[in-house]
Amino acid sequence: MMPTELALENLTVTINQEIHVEAPIDVTFAALLEQLGPGNETPDGKSLNMKIEPWPGGRWYRDLGDNNGHFWANVQAIKRPSLLEFAGPLFAYTMSMAQSLLAEFESQAPVTRKFLERLPEDKLTWKPHNKSMTAGQLAYHLAFVPGGVVQGAQKDQVPPPGFQFHQPASLQEIFDTLDRSIATVREVLPSFDDATMNATWRIVDGDKEIAAMPRVAFLRNIMLNHWYQHRGQFCVYLRLLDVPVPSSWGPSADERSALQPELQTA
């Protein structure tokens, strides 16, 4: 399933540029090879010393002399005088582990906010069972979790959690906590490079190791999966309170999904 709301950071933009040249196509193709190779210059007119081998598998690289330089790409396909395709590191982009988690978080934070906004102010202390959290405690937990978890991930080891669930005094307290939580994730998560994400993170009680896992697994399981679990739990609270339940990845019984086509009226 796809999220219903997309963040700017989670979008891919394709930019196409067309240049119209008044010249025969074979002359234009030869000029293109010259421009990509020996004629490639910096804005101030200095040569980049580019080399291009115009055949399939040929290299496109910057020659700095003495066997030094930068490899840009290989010629993927060439069909004179109309096609020249490259593939290689210049055109490759790999999202880091932290960027991938952040993109998912950015798409889901507005969905969580939408759920929290449905809670009536006078139901903060309501609970479905004596052993359950109150609606306010669960809502506050949803707001607090992402920022609290990512702060815990900044350390290599932490003590066992206390599992104390705060009772908020108002909806505004919940929304303020969510805003701080989102800001914390945006600030902290991008600072983790892949080596840090693969490093072992631990829960330790004195000299006893309670849990150990890669930091990326902790963030995936607790910052996101655990967050989604409680959002589903909160969905049941809303249903029991007879409050319309928002759609998330798919529709609810009260709200159509953004992925569904508009209903046609007669």
C-alpha atoms as a PDB file:
ATOM      1  CA  MET A   1       0.000   0.000   0.000  1.00  0.00           C
ATOM      2  CA  MET A   2       1.096   3.561  -0.595  1.00  0.00           C
ATOM      3  CA  PRO A   3       0.856   6.395   1.930  1.00  0.00           C
ATOM      4  CA  THR A   4      -1.927   8.861   1.293  1.00  0.00           C
ATOM      5  CA  GLU A   5       0.182  11.971   1.753  1.00  0.00           C
ATOM      6  CA  LEU A   6       3.569  12.604   0.183  1.00  0.00           C
ATOM      7  CA  ALA A   7       6.270  14.839   1.619  1.00  0.00           C
ATOM      8  CA  LEU A   8       8.424  16.971  -0.641  1.00  0.00           C
ATOM      9  CA  GLU A   9      11.501  14.987   0.426  1.00  0.00           C
ATOM     10  CA  ASN A  10       9.839  11.805  -0.812  1.00  0.00           C
ATOM     11  CA  LEU A  11       9.232  13.000  -4.377  1.00  0.00           C
ATOM     12  CA  THR A  12      11.320  12.385  -7.490  1.00  0.00           C
ATOM     13  CA  VAL A  13      11.508  15.109 -10.104  1.00  0.00           C
ATOM     14  CA  THR A  14      12.463  14.459 -13.713  1.00  0.00           C
ATOM     15  CA  ILE A  15      13.764  17.458 -15.649  1.00  0.00           C
ATOM     16  CA  ASN A  16      13.997  17.329 -19.433  1.00  0.00           C
ATOM     17  CA  GLN A  17      15.808  19.910 -21.515  1.00  0.00           C
ATOM     18  CA  GLU A  18      15.336  20.340 -25.249  1.00  0.00           C
ATOM     19  CA  ILE A  19      17.860  22.216 -27.376  1.00  0.00           C
ATOM     20  CA  HIS A  20      16.941  23.012 -30.961  1.00  0.00           C
ATOM     21  CA  VAL A  21      19.918  23.141 -33.340  1.00  0.00           C
ATOM     22  CA  GLU A  22      19.823  24.346 -36.930  1.00  0.00           C
ATOM     23  CA  ALA A  23      22.288  21.845 -38.397  1.00  0.00           C
ATOM     24  CA  PRO A  24      22.233  18.397 -40.042  1.00  0.00           C
ATOM     25  CA  ILE A  25      21.827  15.633 -37.474  1.00  0.00           C
ATOM     26  CA  ASP A  26      25.206  14.024 -38.260  1.00  0.00           C
ATOM     27  CA  VAL A  27      26.974  17.355 -37.736  1.00  0.00           C
ATOM     28  CA  THR A  28      25.052  17.887 -34.501  1.00  0.00           C
ATOM     29  CA  PHE A  29      25.993  14.410 -33.231  1.00  0.00           C
ATOM     30  CA  ALA A  30      29.677  15.001 -33.965  1.00  0.00           C
ATOM     31  CA  ALA A  31      29.479  18.363 -32.182  1.00  0.00           C
ATOM     32  CA  LEU A  32      27.869  16.639 -29.169  1.00  0.00           C
ATOM     33  CA  LEU A  33      30.745  14.139 -28.919  1.00  0.00           C
ATOM     34  CA  GLU A  34      33.205  17.035 -29.130  1.00  0.00           C
ATOM     35  CA  GLN A  35      31.340  18.959 -26.428  1.00  0.00           C
ATOM     36  CA  LEU A  36      31.239  15.973 -24.075  1.00  0.00           C
ATOM     37  CA  GLY A  37      34.883  15.203 -24.704  1.00  0.00           C
ATOM     38  CA  PRO A  38      37.720  17.618 -25.575  1.00  0.00           C
ATOM     39  CA  GLY A  39      35.401  20.616 -25.841  1.00  0.00           C
ATOM     40  CA  ASN A  40      34.036  20.227 -22.290  1.00  0.00           C
ATOM     41  CA  GLU A  41      34.983  23.357 -20.344  1.00  0.00           C
ATOM     42  CA  THR A  42      34.321  25.087 -17.023  1.00  0.00           C
ATOM     43  CA  PRO A  43      32.165  28.246 -17.063  1.00  0.00           C
ATOM     44  CA  ASP A  44      35.336  30.360 -17.182  1.00  0.00           C
ATOM     45  CA  GLY A  45      36.631  28.571 -20.303  1.00  0.00           C
ATOM     46  CA  LYS A  46      39.164  26.155 -18.760  1.00  0.00           C
ATOM     47  CA  SER A  47      39.310  22.682 -20.264  1.00  0.00           C
ATOM     48  CA  LEU A  48      38.038  19.820 -18.099  1.00  0.00           C
ATOM     49  CA  ASN A  49      40.278  17.406 -20.026  1.00  0.00           C
ATOM     50  CA  MET A  50      37.365  15.093 -20.695  1.00  0.00           C
ATOM     51  CA  LYS A  51      37.773  11.960 -22.790  1.00  0.00           C
ATOM     52  CA  ILE A  52      35.014   9.964 -24.437  1.00  0.00           C
ATOM     53  CA  GLU A  53      35.368   6.615 -26.181  1.00  0.00           C
ATOM     54  CA  PRO A  54      32.402   6.657 -28.591  1.00  0.00           C
ATOM     55  CA  TRP A  55      31.596   2.957 -28.754  1.00  0.00           C
ATOM     56  CA  PRO A  56      29.477   0.582 -26.616  1.00  0.00           C
ATOM     57  CA  GLY A  57      31.218   0.093 -23.270  1.00  0.00           C
ATOM     58  CA  GLY A  58      33.516   3.048 -23.939  1.00  0.00           C
ATOM     59  CA  ARG A  59      34.574   5.225 -21.027  1.00  0.00           C
ATOM     60  CA  TRP A  60      33.649   8.836 -20.343  1.00  0.00           C
ATOM     61  CA  TYR A  61      36.168  10.228 -17.915  1.00  0.00           C
ATOM     62  CA  ARG A  62      38.250  13.204 -16.848  1.00  0.00           C
ATOM     63  CA  ASP A  63      41.937  12.735 -17.569  1.00  0.00           C
ATOM     64  CA  LEU A  64      44.166  14.477 -15.015  1.00  0.00           C
ATOM     65  CA  GLY A  65      47.378  12.947 -16.338  1.00  0.00           C
ATOM     66  CA  ASP A  66      49.781  10.385 -14.840  1.00  0.00           C
ATOM     67  CA  ASN A  67      46.961   7.827 -14.705  1.00  0.00           C
ATOM     68  CA  ASN A  68      44.862  10.104 -12.479  1.00  0.00           C
ATOM     69  CA  GLY A  69      41.318  11.211 -13.144  1.00  0.00           C
ATOM     70  CA  HIS A  70      37.597  10.734 -12.495  1.00  0.00           C
ATOM     71  CA  PHE A  71      35.452   8.050 -14.114  1.00  0.00           C
ATOM     72  CA  TRP A  72      32.021   9.447 -14.964  1.00  0.00           C
ATOM     73  CA  ALA A  73      30.209   6.768 -16.976  1.00  0.00           C
ATOM     74  CA  ASN A  74      30.280   4.103 -19.661  1.00  0.00           C
ATOM     75  CA  VAL A  75      28.616   4.404 -23.052  1.00  0.00           C
ATOM     76  CA  GLN A  76      25.536   2.223 -22.662  1.00  0.00           C
ATOM     77  CA  ALA A  77      24.370   2.544 -26.264  1.00  0.00           C
ATOM     78  CA  ILE A  78      25.377   4.524 -29.323  1.00  0.00           C
ATOM     79  CA  LYS A  79      23.494   4.634 -32.621  1.00  0.00           C
ATOM     80  CA  ARG A  80      24.904   7.331 -34.846  1.00  0.00           C
ATOM     81  CA  PRO A  81      23.613   9.919 -35.433  1.00  0.00           C
ATOM     82  CA  SER A  82      20.574   9.841 -33.128  1.00  0.00           C
ATOM     83  CA  LEU A  83      21.291   8.054 -29.838  1.00  0.00           C
ATOM     84  CA  LEU A  84      23.931   8.266 -27.107  1.00  0.00           C
ATOM     85  CA  GLU A  85      23.214   6.729 -23.688  1.00  0.00           C
ATOM     86  CA  PHE A  86      25.428   6.658 -20.599  1.00  0.00           C
ATOM     87  CA  ALA A  87      25.282   4.575 -17.420  1.00  0.00           C
ATOM     88  CA  GLY A  88      27.575   4.922 -14.450  1.00  0.00           C
ATOM     89  CA  PRO A  89      28.335   6.612 -11.131  1.00  0.00           C
ATOM     90  CA  LEU A  90      27.596  10.119 -12.425  1.00  0.00           C
ATOM     91  CA  PHE A  91      23.960   9.090 -12.914  1.00  0.00           C
ATOM     92  CA  ALA A  92      23.599   6.856  -9.868  1.00  0.00           C
ATOM     93  CA  TYR A  93      21.921   7.956  -6.659  1.00  0.00           C
ATOM     94  CA  THR A  94      21.606   5.658  -3.671  1.00  0.00           C
ATOM     95  CA  MET A  95      19.573   6.843  -0.701  1.00  0.00           C
ATOM     96  CA  SER A  96      21.267   6.277   2.652  1.00  0.00           C
ATOM     97  CA  MET A  97      19.538   4.178   5.313  1.00  0.00           C
ATOM     98  CA  ALA A  98      18.740   7.287   7.344  1.00  0.00           C
ATOM     99  CA  GLN A  99      17.349   9.128   4.308  1.00  0.00           C
ATOM    100  CA  SER A 100      15.131   6.152   3.491  1.00  0.00           C
ATOM    101  CA  LEU A 101      13.691   6.034   7.014  1.00  0.00           C
ATOM    102  CA  LEU A 102      13.262   9.813   7.052  1.00  0.00           C
ATOM    103  CA  ALA A 103      11.354   9.748   3.749  1.00  0.00           C
ATOM    104  CA  GLU A 104       8.948   7.170   5.166  1.00  0.00           C
ATOM    105  CA  PHE A 105       8.587   9.110   8.412  1.00  0.00           C
ATOM    106  CA  GLU A 106       7.815  12.337   6.536  1.00  0.00           C
ATOM    107  CA  SER A 107       5.042  10.619   4.600  1.00  0.00           C
ATOM    108  CA  GLN A 108       3.480   9.115   7.746  1.00  0.00           C
ATOM    109  CA  ALA A 109       3.758  11.992  10.228  1.00  0.00           C
ATOM    110  CA  PRO A 110       0.809  13.893   8.659  1.00  0.00           C
ATOM    111  CA  VAL A 111      -1.286  10.708   8.806  1.00  0.00           C
ATOM    112  CA  THR A 112      -0.574  10.297  12.518  1.00  0.00           C
ATOM    113  CA  ARG A 113      -1.444  13.956  13.097  1.00  0.00           C
ATOM    114  CA  LYS A 114      -4.765  13.415  11.321  1.00  0.00           C
ATOM    115  CA  PHE A 115      -5.599  10.566  13.713  1.00  0.00           C
ATOM    116  CA  LEU A 116      -4.678  12.633  16.786  1.00  0.00           C
ATOM    117  CA  GLU A 117      -6.815  15.534  15.604  1.00  0.00           C
ATOM    118  CA  ARG A 118      -9.909  13.302  15.772  1.00  0.00           C
ATOM    119  CA  LEU A 119      -9.661  12.793  19.560  1.00  0.00           C
ATOM    120  CA  PRO A 120     -12.288  14.867  21.419  1.00  0.00           C
ATOM    121  CA  GLU A 121     -10.857  17.108  24.138  1.00  0.00           C
ATOM    122  CA  ASP A 122     -13.266  15.700  26.721  1.00  0.00           C
ATOM    123  CA  LYS A 123     -12.138  12.090  26.110  1.00  0.00           C
ATOM    124  CA  LEU A 124      -8.500  12.382  27.226  1.00  0.00           C
ATOM    125  CA  THR A 125      -9.124  10.288  30.340  1.00  0.00           C
ATOM    126  CA  TRP A 126     -11.432   7.759  28.685  1.00  0.00           C
ATOM    127  CA  LYS A 127     -10.193   4.163  28.480  1.00  0.00           C
ATOM    128  CA  PRO A 128     -11.818   1.073  26.916  1.00  0.00           C
ATOM    129  CA  HIS A 129     -10.795  -1.193  29.815  1.00  0.00           C
ATOM    130  CA  ASN A 130      -9.389  -0.788  33.309  1.00  0.00           C
ATOM    131  CA  LYS A 131      -6.077  -2.297  32.146  1.00  0.00           C
ATOM    132  CA  SER A 132      -5.839  -0.026  29.095  1.00  0.00           C
ATOM    133  CA  MET A 133      -4.096   3.303  28.660  1.00  0.00           C
ATOM    134  CA  THR A 134      -6.366   6.316  28.558  1.00  0.00           C
ATOM    135  CA  ALA A 135      -7.021   7.843  25.152  1.00  0.00           C
ATOM    136  CA  GLY A 136      -4.855  10.801  26.191  1.00  0.00           C
ATOM    137  CA  GLN A 137      -1.965   8.583  27.278  1.00  0.00           C
ATOM    138  CA  LEU A 138      -2.047   6.681  23.999  1.00  0.00           C
ATOM    139  CA  ALA A 139      -2.273   9.880  21.959  1.00  0.00           C
ATOM    140  CA  TYR A 140       0.652  11.422  23.859  1.00  0.00           C
ATOM    141  CA  HIS A 141       2.668   8.221  23.338  1.00  0.00           C
ATOM    142  CA  LEU A 142       2.021   8.442  19.596  1.00  0.00           C
ATOM    143  CA  ALA A 143       3.195  12.047  19.599  1.00  0.00           C
ATOM    144  CA  PHE A 144       6.304  11.399  21.700  1.00  0.00           C
ATOM    145  CA  VAL A 145       7.631   8.123  20.266  1.00  0.00           C
ATOM    146  CA  PRO A 146       9.506   9.195  17.095  1.00  0.00           C
ATOM    147  CA  GLY A 147      11.536  11.975  18.728  1.00  0.00           C
ATOM    148  CA  GLY A 148      12.148   9.983  21.905  1.00  0.00           C
ATOM    149  CA  VAL A 149      13.332   6.941  19.959  1.00  0.00           C
ATOM    150  CA  VAL A 150      15.689   8.856  17.669  1.00  0.00           C
ATOM    151  CA  GLN A 151      17.216  10.586  20.703  1.00  0.00           C
ATOM    152  CA  GLY A 152      17.787   7.183  22.291  1.00  0.00           C
ATOM    153  CA  ALA A 153      19.453   6.026  19.076  1.00  0.00           C
ATOM    154  CA  GLN A 154      22.096   8.745  19.497  1.00  0.00           C
ATOM    155  CA  LYS A 155      23.591   6.653  22.303  1.00  0.00           C
ATOM    156  CA  ASP A 156      25.273   3.290  21.818  1.00  0.00           C
ATOM    157  CA  GLN A 157      23.470   1.796  24.802  1.00  0.00           C
ATOM    158  CA  VAL A 158      20.551   2.750  27.038  1.00  0.00           C
ATOM    159  CA  PRO A 159      18.974   1.327  30.228  1.00  0.00           C
ATOM    160  CA  PRO A 160      15.668  -0.606  30.005  1.00  0.00           C
ATOM    161  CA  PRO A 161      12.679   1.696  29.400  1.00  0.00           C
ATOM    162  CA  GLY A 162      10.465   2.544  32.359  1.00  0.00           C
ATOM    163  CA  PHE A 163       7.178   2.314  30.423  1.00  0.00           C
ATOM    164  CA  GLN A 164       5.572   5.223  32.262  1.00  0.00           C
ATOM    165  CA  PHE A 165       2.772   6.742  30.179  1.00  0.00           C
ATOM    166  CA  HIS A 166       2.185  10.449  30.691  1.00  0.00           C
ATOM    167  CA  GLN A 167      -1.376  11.773  31.019  1.00  0.00           C
ATOM    168  CA  PRO A 168      -1.628  15.007  29.008  1.00  0.00           C
ATOM    169  CA  ALA A 169      -3.747  17.857  30.284  1.00  0.00           C
ATOM    170  CA  SER A 170      -4.942  18.996  26.861  1.00  0.00           C
ATOM    171  CA  LEU A 171      -4.916  18.246  23.147  1.00  0.00           C
ATOM    172  CA  GLN A 172      -2.580  21.208  22.672  1.00  0.00           C
ATOM    173  CA  GLU A 173       0.013  19.465  24.835  1.00  0.00           C
ATOM    174  CA  ILE A 174      -0.213  16.448  22.530  1.00  0.00           C
ATOM    175  CA  PHE A 175       0.160  18.556  19.368  1.00  0.00           C
ATOM    176  CA  ASP A 176       3.099  20.508  20.839  1.00  0.00           C
ATOM    177  CA  THR A 177       4.778  17.204  21.694  1.00  0.00           C
ATOM    178  CA  LEU A 178       4.206  15.923  18.157  1.00  0.00           C
ATOM    179  CA  ASP A 179       5.705  19.105  16.672  1.00  0.00           C
ATOM    180  CA  ARG A 180       8.822  18.759  18.850  1.00  0.00           C
ATOM    181  CA  SER A 181       9.052  15.074  18.012  1.00  0.00           C
ATOM    182  CA  ILE A 182       8.930  15.704  14.253  1.00  0.00           C
ATOM    183  CA  ALA A 183      11.542  18.472  14.544  1.00  0.00           C
ATOM    184  CA  THR A 184      13.841  16.158  16.515  1.00  0.00           C
ATOM    185  CA  VAL A 185      13.621  13.373  13.927  1.00  0.00           C
ATOM    186  CA  ARG A 186      14.388  15.847  11.127  1.00  0.00           C
ATOM    187  CA  GLU A 187      17.401  17.168  13.002  1.00  0.00           C
ATOM    188  CA  VAL A 188      18.905  13.941  14.350  1.00  0.00           C
ATOM    189  CA  LEU A 189      18.140  11.154  11.867  1.00  0.00           C
ATOM    190  CA  PRO A 190      20.066  12.627   8.883  1.00  0.00           C
ATOM    191  CA  SER A 191      23.228  12.752  11.053  1.00  0.00           C
ATOM    192  CA  PHE A 192      23.451   8.929  11.068  1.00  0.00           C
ATOM    193  CA  ASP A 193      25.609   7.648   8.200  1.00  0.00           C
ATOM    194  CA  ASP A 194      25.321   4.035   7.048  1.00  0.00           C
ATOM    195  CA  ALA A 195      28.231   2.903   9.234  1.00  0.00           C
ATOM    196  CA  THR A 196      26.473   4.350  12.285  1.00  0.00           C
ATOM    197  CA  MET A 197      23.195   2.742  11.233  1.00  0.00           C
ATOM    198  CA  ASN A 198      24.880  -0.678  10.963  1.00  0.00           C
ATOM    199  CA  ALA A 199      26.641  -0.324  14.318  1.00  0.00           C
ATOM    200  CA  THR A 200      25.267  -2.327  17.252  1.00  0.00           C
ATOM    201  CA  TRP A 201      22.830  -0.572  19.590  1.00  0.00           C
ATOM    202  CA  ARG A 202      22.139  -2.087  23.006  1.00  0.00           C
ATOM    203  CA  ILE A 203      19.787  -2.060  25.990  1.00  0.00           C
ATOM    204  CA  VAL A 204      21.860  -2.773  29.083  1.00  0.00           C
ATOM    205  CA  ASP A 205      20.780  -3.258  32.706  1.00  0.00           C
ATOM    206  CA  GLY A 206      23.951  -2.832  34.753  1.00  0.00           C
ATOM    207  CA  ASP A 207      26.284  -5.577  33.499  1.00  0.00           C
ATOM    208  CA  LYS A 208      23.481  -7.507  31.789  1.00  0.00           C
ATOM    209  CA  GLU A 209      22.747  -7.055  28.082  1.00  0.00           C
ATOM    210  CA  ILE A 210      18.985  -7.127  27.525  1.00  0.00           C
ATOM    211  CA  ALA A 211      18.956  -6.588  23.754  1.00  0.00           C
ATOM    212  CA  ALA A 212      21.396  -5.893  20.931  1.00  0.00           C
ATOM    213  CA  MET A 213      20.661  -5.036  17.325  1.00  0.00           C
ATOM    214  CA  PRO A 214      21.892  -2.827  14.488  1.00  0.00           C
ATOM    215  CA  ARG A 215      20.838   0.792  15.070  1.00  0.00           C
ATOM    216  CA  VAL A 216      18.851   0.725  11.817  1.00  0.00           C
ATOM    217  CA  ALA A 217      16.816  -2.234  13.132  1.00  0.00           C
ATOM    218  CA  PHE A 218      16.046  -0.362  16.360  1.00  0.00           C
ATOM    219  CA  LEU A 219      14.868   2.688  14.417  1.00  0.00           C
ATOM    220  CA  ARG A 220      12.829   0.633  11.946  1.00  0.00           C
ATOM    221  CA  ASN A 221      11.186  -1.532  14.635  1.00  0.00           C
ATOM    222  CA  ILE A 222      10.581   1.033  17.388  1.00  0.00           C
ATOM    223  CA  MET A 223      10.459   4.459  15.724  1.00  0.00           C
ATOM    224  CA  LEU A 224       8.266   3.253  12.830  1.00  0.00           C
ATOM    225  CA  ASN A 225       6.767  -0.263  13.197  1.00  0.00           C
ATOM    226  CA  HIS A 226       5.965   0.225  16.891  1.00  0.00           C
ATOM    227  CA  TRP A 227       4.532   3.659  16.023  1.00  0.00           C
ATOM    228  CA  TYR A 228       2.230   2.137  13.396  1.00  0.00           C
ATOM    229  CA  GLN A 229       1.110  -0.540  15.879  1.00  0.00           C
ATOM    230  CA  HIS A 230      -0.036   2.111  18.359  1.00  0.00           C
ATOM    231  CA  ARG A 231      -1.719   4.110  15.592  1.00  0.00           C
ATOM    232  CA  GLY A 232      -3.774   1.010  14.814  1.00  0.00           C
ATOM    233  CA  GLN A 233      -4.589   0.705  18.515  1.00  0.00           C
ATOM    234  CA  PHE A 234      -5.654   4.353  18.553  1.00  0.00           C
ATOM    235  CA  CYS A 235      -7.891   3.643  15.559  1.00  0.00           C
ATOM    236  CA  VAL A 236      -9.851   1.187  17.739  1.00  0.00           C
ATOM    237  CA  TYR A 237     -10.175   3.828  20.471  1.00  0.00           C
ATOM    238  CA  LEU A 238     -11.712   6.240  17.951  1.00  0.00           C
ATOM    239  CA  ARG A 239     -14.130   3.585  16.729  1.00  0.00           C
ATOM    240  CA  LEU A 240     -15.245   2.784  20.282  1.00  0.00           C
ATOM    241  CA  LEU A 241     -15.747   6.511  20.909  1.00  0.00           C
ATOM    242  CA  ASP A 242     -17.928   6.631  17.778  1.00  0.00           C
ATOM    243  CA  VAL A 243     -15.509   9.111  16.199  1.00  0.00           C
ATOM    244  CA  PRO A 244     -15.017   8.850  12.388  1.00  0.00           C
ATOM    245  CA  VAL A 245     -11.773   6.982  11.717  1.00  0.00           C
ATOM    246  CA  PRO A 246      -9.415   8.546   9.130  1.00  0.00           C
ATOM    247  CA  SER A 247      -8.075   6.641   6.172  1.00  0.00           C
ATOM    248  CA  SER A 248      -4.390   5.761   6.241  1.00  0.00           C
ATOM    249  CA  TRP A 249      -2.897   3.533   3.562  1.00  0.00           C
ATOM    250  CA  GLY A 250      -6.356   2.418   2.546  1.00  0.00           C
ATOM    251  CA  PRO A 251      -9.909   3.551   3.280  1.00  0.00           C
ATOM    252  CA  SER A 252     -11.647   3.301   6.632  1.00  0.00           C
ATOM    253  CA  ALA A 253     -15.370   2.683   7.072  1.00  0.00           C
ATOM    254  CA  ASP A 254     -15.762   6.462   7.395  1.00  0.00           C
ATOM    255  CA  GLU A 255     -13.328   7.934   4.892  1.00  0.00           C
ATOM    256  CA  ARG A 256     -12.299   7.020   1.382  1.00  0.00           C
ATOM    257  CA  SER A 257      -8.637   6.623   0.497  1.00  0.00           C
ATOM    258  CA  ALA A 258      -6.875   9.234  -1.608  1.00  0.00           C
ATOM    259  CA  LEU A 259      -5.963   6.312  -3.871  1.00  0.00           C
ATOM    260  CA  GLN A 260      -9.605   5.615  -4.662  1.00  0.00           C
ATOM    261  CA  PRO A 261     -11.274   7.242  -7.676  1.00  0.00           C
ATOM    262  CA  GLU A 262     -13.859   9.909  -7.021  1.00  0.00           C
ATOM    263  CA  LEU A 263     -17.396   8.599  -6.749  1.00  0.00           C
ATOM    264  CA  GLN A 264     -19.453   9.405  -9.810  1.00  0.00           C
ATOM    265  CA  THR A 265     -22.819  11.062  -9.162  1.00  0.00           C
ATOM    266  CA  ALA A 266     -25.767  10.504 -11.462  1.00  0.00           C
END
